[in-house]
Amino acid sequence: MDQLLSGTESFFTIESATYMSGFAMRVSWNAFEKQGEGIFNWSILDSGLSALKSKGKKASVTMFSFQPIKSSPTNSSLLDVIPHPSWVQPTQTYYGIFKDAPCRPYPVPWDPVVNEKWFQFLKAWARHIY
């Protein structure tokens, strides 16, 4: 089972997937540091990994700097992207469209502010899990 965790849904039920030996988890930066810089909530990841460990399951975790979301409640194929936590203020942006979503500003991949905050987050995540 592969599920995107946005920080609001409940974690998957591993009891219903006894045939699986592990799970690939895709999680976003925004799910863990949305309240403000350096304010982390690791509970959704911790509870998921703990549940998997208790059932003898393996896990892989992929951390994204962006969060895909449905941009329309009536059309599940319409996606948008929350590129980073809202408190991060990029210095350089471009206007882009992700699939059929509205055009809005996104940080350029080399934005120094976003990259600095992203690397600080990754270091905090590494300290948390090790």
N, C-alpha and C. Protein backbone atom coordinates (compact mmCIF):
# COMPACT_ATOMS: atom_id res chain seq x y z
N MET A 1 0.86 -1.18 0.00
CA MET A 1 0.00 0.00 0.00
C MET A 1 0.90 1.23 0.00
N ASP A 2 0.60 2.15 -0.83
CA ASP A 2 1.39 3.36 -0.97
C ASP A 2 0.44 4.53 -0.75
N GLN A 3 0.63 5.29 0.28
CA GLN A 3 -0.31 6.36 0.60
C GLN A 3 0.43 7.65 0.87
N LEU A 4 -0.08 8.73 0.32
CA LEU A 4 0.48 10.04 0.62
C LEU A 4 -0.10 10.51 1.94
N LEU A 5 0.77 10.95 2.83
CA LEU A 5 0.33 11.42 4.13
C LEU A 5 0.40 12.93 4.17
N SER A 6 -0.73 13.56 4.27
CA SER A 6 -0.74 15.02 4.31
C SER A 6 -0.80 15.55 5.72
N GLY A 7 -0.92 14.68 6.69
CA GLY A 7 -0.99 15.12 8.06
C GLY A 7 -2.42 15.20 8.58
N THR A 8 -3.38 14.89 7.75
CA THR A 8 -4.77 14.96 8.19
C THR A 8 -5.48 13.61 8.13
N GLU A 9 -5.08 12.73 7.24
CA GLU A 9 -5.76 11.45 7.17
C GLU A 9 -5.24 10.52 8.25
N SER A 10 -6.03 9.49 8.56
CA SER A 10 -5.55 8.48 9.48
C SER A 10 -4.62 7.55 8.72
N PHE A 11 -3.73 6.90 9.45
CA PHE A 11 -2.77 6.00 8.83
C PHE A 11 -3.48 4.76 8.32
N PHE A 12 -2.90 4.09 7.34
CA PHE A 12 -3.51 2.90 6.76
C PHE A 12 -3.64 1.79 7.80
N THR A 13 -4.49 0.83 7.50
CA THR A 13 -4.70 -0.30 8.39
C THR A 13 -3.86 -1.46 7.90
N ILE A 14 -2.85 -1.82 8.65
CA ILE A 14 -1.98 -2.90 8.20
C ILE A 14 -2.59 -4.27 8.45
N GLU A 15 -3.57 -4.34 9.34
CA GLU A 15 -4.23 -5.63 9.57
C GLU A 15 -4.94 -6.13 8.31
N SER A 16 -5.39 -5.22 7.47
CA SER A 16 -6.11 -5.62 6.27
C SER A 16 -5.17 -5.97 5.12
N ALA A 17 -3.88 -5.84 5.33
CA ALA A 17 -2.92 -6.11 4.26
C ALA A 17 -1.89 -7.13 4.73
N THR A 18 -2.35 -8.26 5.20
CA THR A 18 -1.46 -9.28 5.74
C THR A 18 -0.56 -9.89 4.67
N TYR A 19 -0.94 -9.78 3.42
CA TYR A 19 -0.16 -10.33 2.31
C TYR A 19 1.03 -9.45 1.94
N MET A 20 1.14 -8.27 2.51
CA MET A 20 2.23 -7.34 2.18
C MET A 20 3.34 -7.43 3.22
N SER A 21 4.58 -7.42 2.74
CA SER A 21 5.71 -7.49 3.67
C SER A 21 6.21 -6.11 4.07
N GLY A 22 5.77 -5.07 3.37
CA GLY A 22 6.21 -3.73 3.70
C GLY A 22 5.38 -2.67 2.99
N PHE A 23 5.69 -1.42 3.29
CA PHE A 23 4.93 -0.30 2.76
C PHE A 23 5.89 0.79 2.31
N ALA A 24 5.53 1.45 1.23
CA ALA A 24 6.26 2.63 0.76
C ALA A 24 5.44 3.85 1.17
N MET A 25 6.03 4.70 1.99
CA MET A 25 5.33 5.88 2.47
C MET A 25 5.89 7.12 1.78
N ARG A 26 4.99 7.91 1.21
CA ARG A 26 5.37 9.19 0.60
C ARG A 26 4.80 10.27 1.49
N VAL A 27 5.67 11.09 2.03
CA VAL A 27 5.23 12.12 2.97
C VAL A 27 5.80 13.47 2.55
N SER A 28 5.12 14.53 2.96
CA SER A 28 5.53 15.87 2.55
C SER A 28 6.03 16.70 3.72
N TRP A 29 6.95 17.58 3.43
CA TRP A 29 7.52 18.51 4.39
C TRP A 29 6.40 19.26 5.11
N ASN A 30 5.42 19.71 4.37
CA ASN A 30 4.33 20.50 4.93
C ASN A 30 3.56 19.74 6.02
N ALA A 31 3.54 18.42 5.96
CA ALA A 31 2.82 17.63 6.96
C ALA A 31 3.50 17.68 8.34
N PHE A 32 4.78 18.00 8.38
CA PHE A 32 5.54 17.93 9.63
C PHE A 32 5.95 19.28 10.20
N GLU A 33 6.00 20.33 9.38
CA GLU A 33 6.49 21.62 9.86
C GLU A 33 5.54 22.74 9.42
N LYS A 34 4.25 22.47 9.40
CA LYS A 34 3.31 23.46 8.88
C LYS A 34 3.01 24.59 9.85
N GLN A 35 3.25 24.41 11.15
CA GLN A 35 2.91 25.44 12.14
C GLN A 35 3.91 26.58 12.19
N GLY A 36 5.13 26.33 11.75
CA GLY A 36 6.15 27.38 11.78
C GLY A 36 7.54 26.78 11.76
N GLU A 37 8.50 27.63 11.49
CA GLU A 37 9.87 27.16 11.39
C GLU A 37 10.35 26.51 12.68
N GLY A 38 10.85 25.30 12.57
CA GLY A 38 11.38 24.57 13.72
C GLY A 38 10.33 23.96 14.63
N ILE A 39 9.05 24.07 14.27
CA ILE A 39 7.96 23.47 15.06
C ILE A 39 7.53 22.20 14.33
N PHE A 40 7.98 21.06 14.83
CA PHE A 40 7.76 19.79 14.13
C PHE A 40 6.70 18.96 14.82
N ASN A 41 5.94 18.26 14.03
CA ASN A 41 4.99 17.27 14.53
C ASN A 41 5.26 15.98 13.77
N TRP A 42 6.03 15.11 14.39
CA TRP A 42 6.43 13.86 13.75
C TRP A 42 5.44 12.73 14.04
N SER A 43 4.34 13.01 14.73
CA SER A 43 3.48 11.93 15.23
C SER A 43 2.91 11.03 14.14
N ILE A 44 2.54 11.59 12.99
CA ILE A 44 1.95 10.74 11.95
C ILE A 44 2.98 9.74 11.41
N LEU A 45 4.21 10.17 11.27
CA LEU A 45 5.27 9.26 10.81
C LEU A 45 5.61 8.26 11.91
N ASP A 46 5.77 8.75 13.13
CA ASP A 46 6.12 7.86 14.24
C ASP A 46 5.08 6.79 14.47
N SER A 47 3.80 7.18 14.44
CA SER A 47 2.75 6.18 14.68
C SER A 47 2.69 5.16 13.54
N GLY A 48 2.91 5.61 12.31
CA GLY A 48 2.91 4.68 11.19
C GLY A 48 4.06 3.70 11.26
N LEU A 49 5.26 4.20 11.53
CA LEU A 49 6.42 3.32 11.61
C LEU A 49 6.31 2.37 12.80
N SER A 50 5.76 2.86 13.90
CA SER A 50 5.57 2.00 15.07
C SER A 50 4.58 0.88 14.77
N ALA A 51 3.48 1.22 14.09
CA ALA A 51 2.48 0.21 13.72
C ALA A 51 3.09 -0.84 12.80
N LEU A 52 3.88 -0.40 11.85
CA LEU A 52 4.53 -1.35 10.92
C LEU A 52 5.50 -2.26 11.67
N LYS A 53 6.30 -1.66 12.54
CA LYS A 53 7.28 -2.44 13.29
C LYS A 53 6.60 -3.48 14.17
N SER A 54 5.49 -3.11 14.79
CA SER A 54 4.78 -4.05 15.68
C SER A 54 4.22 -5.25 14.92
N LYS A 55 4.01 -5.11 13.63
CA LYS A 55 3.51 -6.21 12.80
C LYS A 55 4.61 -6.87 11.98
N GLY A 56 5.86 -6.47 12.23
CA GLY A 56 6.98 -7.08 11.52
C GLY A 56 7.07 -6.66 10.06
N LYS A 57 6.55 -5.51 9.72
CA LYS A 57 6.56 -5.02 8.34
C LYS A 57 7.76 -4.12 8.11
N LYS A 58 8.23 -4.07 6.88
CA LYS A 58 9.30 -3.17 6.46
C LYS A 58 8.69 -1.86 5.99
N ALA A 59 9.49 -0.80 5.95
CA ALA A 59 9.00 0.50 5.48
C ALA A 59 10.09 1.22 4.71
N SER A 60 9.68 1.92 3.68
CA SER A 60 10.55 2.89 3.03
C SER A 60 9.82 4.22 3.10
N VAL A 61 10.57 5.28 3.35
CA VAL A 61 9.98 6.61 3.48
C VAL A 61 10.62 7.53 2.44
N THR A 62 9.79 8.17 1.64
CA THR A 62 10.25 9.18 0.71
C THR A 62 9.68 10.51 1.15
N MET A 63 10.56 11.47 1.40
CA MET A 63 10.14 12.79 1.85
C MET A 63 10.15 13.75 0.68
N PHE A 64 9.03 14.42 0.45
CA PHE A 64 8.91 15.38 -0.62
C PHE A 64 8.91 16.81 -0.06
N SER A 65 9.44 17.73 -0.84
CA SER A 65 9.40 19.14 -0.43
C SER A 65 8.09 19.78 -0.84
N PHE A 66 7.24 19.06 -1.55
CA PHE A 66 5.95 19.57 -2.00
C PHE A 66 4.86 18.58 -1.61
N GLN A 67 3.62 19.00 -1.74
CA GLN A 67 2.49 18.15 -1.39
C GLN A 67 1.44 18.19 -2.49
N PRO A 68 1.29 17.09 -3.25
CA PRO A 68 0.20 17.06 -4.23
C PRO A 68 -1.15 17.01 -3.52
N ILE A 69 -2.11 17.75 -4.00
CA ILE A 69 -3.45 17.76 -3.43
C ILE A 69 -4.48 17.77 -4.55
N LYS A 70 -5.70 17.37 -4.22
CA LYS A 70 -6.79 17.51 -5.17
C LYS A 70 -7.21 18.97 -5.18
N SER A 71 -7.26 19.57 -6.36
CA SER A 71 -7.66 20.98 -6.43
C SER A 71 -9.15 21.13 -6.65
N SER A 72 -9.84 20.00 -6.84
CA SER A 72 -11.28 20.04 -7.03
C SER A 72 -11.90 18.87 -6.29
N PRO A 73 -12.88 19.12 -5.41
CA PRO A 73 -13.49 18.01 -4.68
C PRO A 73 -14.33 17.09 -5.59
N THR A 74 -14.69 17.57 -6.77
CA THR A 74 -15.54 16.78 -7.66
C THR A 74 -14.76 16.06 -8.76
N ASN A 75 -13.49 16.43 -8.96
CA ASN A 75 -12.71 15.81 -10.03
C ASN A 75 -11.40 15.31 -9.43
N SER A 76 -11.29 14.00 -9.21
CA SER A 76 -10.12 13.46 -8.54
C SER A 76 -8.86 13.49 -9.42
N SER A 77 -8.99 13.70 -10.72
CA SER A 77 -7.80 13.76 -11.56
C SER A 77 -7.20 15.16 -11.60
N LEU A 78 -7.89 16.14 -11.05
CA LEU A 78 -7.40 17.53 -11.04
C LEU A 78 -6.49 17.71 -9.83
N LEU A 79 -5.22 17.94 -10.08
CA LEU A 79 -4.26 18.06 -8.98
C LEU A 79 -3.64 19.45 -8.94
N ASP A 80 -3.21 19.81 -7.76
CA ASP A 80 -2.44 21.03 -7.55
C ASP A 80 -1.29 20.63 -6.63
N VAL A 81 -0.41 21.55 -6.36
CA VAL A 81 0.74 21.27 -5.51
C VAL A 81 0.89 22.38 -4.48
N ILE A 82 1.02 21.99 -3.21
CA ILE A 82 1.46 22.93 -2.18
C ILE A 82 2.97 22.78 -2.15
N PRO A 83 3.71 23.76 -2.66
CA PRO A 83 5.14 23.55 -2.88
C PRO A 83 6.01 23.49 -1.62
N HIS A 84 5.55 24.02 -0.51
CA HIS A 84 6.34 24.08 0.72
C HIS A 84 5.41 24.59 1.82
N PRO A 85 5.83 24.52 3.09
CA PRO A 85 4.99 25.09 4.13
C PRO A 85 4.73 26.58 3.88
N SER A 86 3.57 27.04 4.26
CA SER A 86 3.17 28.42 3.93
C SER A 86 4.04 29.48 4.59
N TRP A 87 4.72 29.15 5.69
CA TRP A 87 5.56 30.14 6.36
C TRP A 87 6.88 30.39 5.61
N VAL A 88 7.24 29.52 4.67
CA VAL A 88 8.46 29.71 3.88
C VAL A 88 8.16 30.72 2.77
N GLN A 89 8.94 31.77 2.72
CA GLN A 89 8.74 32.82 1.72
C GLN A 89 9.86 32.79 0.68
N PRO A 90 9.57 32.22 -0.51
CA PRO A 90 10.61 32.16 -1.53
C PRO A 90 11.01 33.55 -2.02
N THR A 91 12.25 33.67 -2.49
CA THR A 91 12.72 34.94 -3.05
C THR A 91 12.53 34.99 -4.56
N GLN A 92 12.43 33.83 -5.20
CA GLN A 92 12.27 33.77 -6.65
C GLN A 92 11.15 32.79 -6.98
N THR A 93 10.20 33.23 -7.79
CA THR A 93 9.09 32.36 -8.16
C THR A 93 8.85 32.41 -9.67
N TYR A 94 8.11 31.44 -10.15
CA TYR A 94 7.61 31.45 -11.51
C TYR A 94 6.15 31.05 -11.45
N TYR A 95 5.40 31.38 -12.46
CA TYR A 95 4.00 30.99 -12.50
C TYR A 95 3.88 29.74 -13.34
N GLY A 96 3.32 28.71 -12.74
CA GLY A 96 3.20 27.45 -13.44
C GLY A 96 1.86 26.80 -13.19
N ILE A 97 1.59 25.84 -14.02
CA ILE A 97 0.35 25.09 -13.90
C ILE A 97 0.71 23.63 -13.70
N PHE A 98 0.14 23.02 -12.69
CA PHE A 98 0.32 21.60 -12.43
C PHE A 98 -0.94 20.91 -12.91
N LYS A 99 -0.83 20.18 -13.97
CA LYS A 99 -1.98 19.57 -14.65
C LYS A 99 -2.99 20.65 -14.99
N ASP A 100 -4.24 20.51 -14.55
CA ASP A 100 -5.29 21.47 -14.90
C ASP A 100 -5.59 22.44 -13.76
N ALA A 101 -4.70 22.55 -12.81
CA ALA A 101 -4.93 23.41 -11.65
C ALA A 101 -4.73 24.88 -12.02
N PRO A 102 -5.23 25.77 -11.18
CA PRO A 102 -5.05 27.20 -11.45
C PRO A 102 -3.58 27.60 -11.49
N CYS A 103 -3.28 28.59 -12.28
CA CYS A 103 -1.92 29.11 -12.38
C CYS A 103 -1.62 29.91 -11.11
N ARG A 104 -0.50 29.61 -10.46
CA ARG A 104 -0.11 30.34 -9.27
C ARG A 104 1.40 30.28 -9.12
N PRO A 105 1.98 31.10 -8.24
CA PRO A 105 3.45 31.12 -8.13
C PRO A 105 4.00 29.90 -7.41
N TYR A 106 5.12 29.41 -7.91
CA TYR A 106 5.88 28.33 -7.30
C TYR A 106 7.32 28.80 -7.16
N PRO A 107 8.04 28.32 -6.14
CA PRO A 107 9.45 28.72 -6.04
C PRO A 107 10.27 28.06 -7.14
N VAL A 108 11.27 28.76 -7.64
CA VAL A 108 12.18 28.13 -8.60
C VAL A 108 12.99 27.08 -7.84
N PRO A 109 13.42 26.03 -8.52
CA PRO A 109 14.15 24.95 -7.82
C PRO A 109 15.42 25.40 -7.11
N TRP A 110 16.01 26.51 -7.53
CA TRP A 110 17.26 26.99 -6.93
C TRP A 110 17.04 28.13 -5.93
N ASP A 111 15.80 28.37 -5.54
CA ASP A 111 15.53 29.46 -4.60
C ASP A 111 16.34 29.23 -3.32
N PRO A 112 17.21 30.19 -2.94
CA PRO A 112 18.09 29.97 -1.78
C PRO A 112 17.34 29.86 -0.46
N VAL A 113 16.27 30.60 -0.27
CA VAL A 113 15.52 30.55 0.99
C VAL A 113 14.84 29.20 1.14
N VAL A 114 14.13 28.77 0.11
CA VAL A 114 13.42 27.49 0.17
C VAL A 114 14.42 26.35 0.36
N ASN A 115 15.53 26.38 -0.37
CA ASN A 115 16.52 25.31 -0.23
C ASN A 115 17.15 25.29 1.16
N GLU A 116 17.44 26.45 1.73
CA GLU A 116 18.00 26.49 3.07
C GLU A 116 17.03 25.89 4.09
N LYS A 117 15.76 26.29 4.00
CA LYS A 117 14.75 25.77 4.94
C LYS A 117 14.53 24.27 4.73
N TRP A 118 14.54 23.82 3.47
CA TRP A 118 14.36 22.40 3.15
C TRP A 118 15.51 21.58 3.75
N PHE A 119 16.76 22.06 3.60
CA PHE A 119 17.89 21.33 4.16
C PHE A 119 17.87 21.34 5.68
N GLN A 120 17.42 22.43 6.30
CA GLN A 120 17.27 22.46 7.76
C GLN A 120 16.24 21.42 8.20
N PHE A 121 15.14 21.32 7.44
CA PHE A 121 14.12 20.32 7.75
C PHE A 121 14.69 18.91 7.63
N LEU A 122 15.40 18.62 6.55
CA LEU A 122 15.97 17.28 6.36
C LEU A 122 16.93 16.92 7.49
N LYS A 123 17.72 17.89 7.96
CA LYS A 123 18.62 17.64 9.08
C LYS A 123 17.83 17.32 10.35
N ALA A 124 16.75 18.06 10.58
CA ALA A 124 15.91 17.80 11.76
C ALA A 124 15.28 16.41 11.67
N TRP A 125 14.83 16.04 10.48
CA TRP A 125 14.24 14.71 10.28
C TRP A 125 15.29 13.63 10.56
N ALA A 126 16.50 13.82 10.06
CA ALA A 126 17.57 12.84 10.30
C ALA A 126 17.88 12.72 11.81
N ARG A 127 17.92 13.87 12.51
CA ARG A 127 18.14 13.81 13.96
C ARG A 127 17.01 13.08 14.67
N HIS A 128 15.80 13.26 14.17
CA HIS A 128 14.64 12.61 14.80
C HIS A 128 14.67 11.10 14.63
N ILE A 129 15.05 10.63 13.46
CA ILE A 129 14.97 9.17 13.23
C ILE A 129 16.22 8.41 13.65
N TYR A 130 17.34 9.12 13.92
CA TYR A 130 18.56 8.42 14.33
C TYR A 130 18.94 8.72 15.73
